[in-house]
Protein backbone atom coordinates (compact mmCIF):
# COMPACT_ATOMS: atom_id res chain seq x y z
CA MET A 1 1.84 23.42 -42.73
CA GLU A 2 0.95 21.63 -39.49
CA ARG A 3 -0.67 24.78 -38.09
CA GLU A 4 -2.81 25.19 -41.21
CA GLY A 5 -4.03 21.60 -40.85
CA GLN A 6 -4.80 22.17 -37.19
CA GLU A 7 -6.79 25.32 -37.96
CA MET A 8 -8.72 23.49 -40.68
CA LYS A 9 -9.80 20.81 -38.18
CA TRP A 10 -11.23 23.55 -35.96
CA ASN A 11 -12.98 25.46 -38.82
CA LYS A 12 -16.46 24.26 -37.84
CA SER A 13 -15.82 25.41 -34.28
CA PHE A 14 -14.58 28.81 -35.49
CA SER A 15 -17.85 29.30 -37.39
CA GLN A 16 -19.99 28.17 -34.44
CA ILE A 17 -18.16 30.46 -32.04
CA TYR A 18 -18.56 33.40 -34.39
CA GLU A 19 -22.27 32.72 -34.98
CA ASN A 20 -23.48 31.71 -31.51
CA GLY A 21 -20.59 31.57 -29.03
CA VAL A 22 -20.50 27.75 -28.82
CA VAL A 23 -17.41 25.67 -29.66
CA GLY A 24 -19.14 22.33 -30.21
CA GLU A 25 -17.33 19.00 -30.27
CA CYS A 26 -13.57 18.62 -30.39
CA PRO A 27 -12.53 17.61 -33.92
CA TYR A 28 -9.90 15.27 -32.44
CA CYS A 29 -11.69 13.28 -29.71
CA GLY A 30 -15.36 14.25 -30.11
CA SER A 31 -15.73 15.59 -26.57
CA ALA A 32 -18.13 18.46 -25.92
CA ASP A 33 -15.90 19.67 -23.05
CA THR A 34 -14.43 22.51 -25.11
CA ASP A 35 -13.97 26.22 -24.61
CA TYR A 36 -12.66 29.39 -26.24
CA ILE A 37 -11.46 32.90 -25.52
CA TYR A 38 -10.98 35.91 -27.76
CA TRP A 39 -8.00 38.17 -27.06
CA GLU A 40 -8.65 41.78 -27.97
CA LYS A 41 -5.50 43.54 -29.12
CA LYS A 42 -7.12 46.89 -29.93
CA ASN A 43 -10.17 48.44 -31.55
CA GLY A 44 -12.26 45.26 -31.39
CA ARG A 45 -9.69 43.21 -33.30
CA GLY A 46 -7.74 40.27 -31.97
CA SER A 47 -7.17 36.55 -31.93
CA LEU A 48 -8.92 33.40 -30.77
CA ASN A 49 -7.84 30.41 -28.69
CA VAL A 50 -9.96 27.24 -28.77
CA TRP A 51 -9.24 24.10 -26.77
CA CYS A 52 -10.54 20.74 -25.63
CA ASN A 53 -10.46 20.09 -21.90
CA SER A 54 -10.60 16.32 -22.49
CA CYS A 55 -7.72 15.63 -24.87
CA GLY A 56 -5.80 18.92 -24.61
CA GLU A 57 -5.83 19.79 -28.32
CA CYS A 58 -5.90 23.52 -28.92
CA VAL A 59 -5.47 26.10 -31.63
CA HIS A 60 -4.69 29.82 -31.84
CA ALA A 61 -5.90 31.87 -34.79
CA ASP A 62 -5.82 35.54 -35.76
CA CYS A 63 -9.43 36.44 -36.36
CA GLY A 64 -9.78 40.13 -37.20
CA PHE A 65 -12.92 41.62 -35.67
CA ILE A 66 -14.33 40.02 -32.53
CA PRO A 67 -18.11 39.50 -32.53
CA LYS A 68 -20.11 41.22 -29.79
CA ASN A 69 -21.18 39.23 -26.73
CA ARG A 70 -18.37 36.68 -26.90
CA LYS A 71 -15.94 35.73 -24.13
CA CYS A 72 -13.16 38.23 -24.60
CA VAL A 73 -10.40 39.80 -22.56
CA ASN A 74 -8.03 42.61 -23.33
CA LEU A 75 -4.44 41.46 -23.52
CA GLY A 76 -2.73 41.95 -20.21
CA GLU A 77 -5.77 41.13 -18.05
CA GLU A 78 -5.57 38.17 -15.68
CA PHE A 79 -8.01 35.46 -16.73
CA GLU A 80 -8.08 31.74 -15.91
CA PRO A 81 -8.70 30.47 -19.49
CA GLN A 82 -5.63 32.42 -20.62
CA ARG A 83 -3.48 30.44 -18.21
CA LYS A 84 -5.17 27.18 -19.19
CA ALA A 85 -4.75 27.86 -22.92
CA SER A 86 -1.14 28.97 -22.46
CA THR A 87 -0.37 25.81 -20.49
CA LEU A 88 -1.98 23.61 -23.15
CA LEU A 89 -0.06 25.35 -25.94
CA ARG A 90 3.26 24.98 -24.08
CA THR A 91 2.54 21.30 -23.42
CA LEU A 92 1.74 20.62 -27.06
CA ARG A 93 4.85 22.44 -28.27
CA THR A 94 7.18 20.53 -25.97
CA GLY A 95 5.56 17.20 -26.76
């Protein structure tokens, strides 16, 4: 249930990323210092990580098809936001 609530808080950002590649403000702290990355699993389908660099809140969501011209990496590639997002997720999980 907590994950669903977290995803709902980021819904506006999900829409903005899909439409124009911009996260917008963090739904937790209001900071504009946010970012995202799509993870392509195969055939243009994958998941999405969105995070706030100010407060550390983040969310992971399965998203289906990835829009063209968005920040995206194939799983297995080295990429700095992947490490940042993974670190944030581990931090949040361990409290």
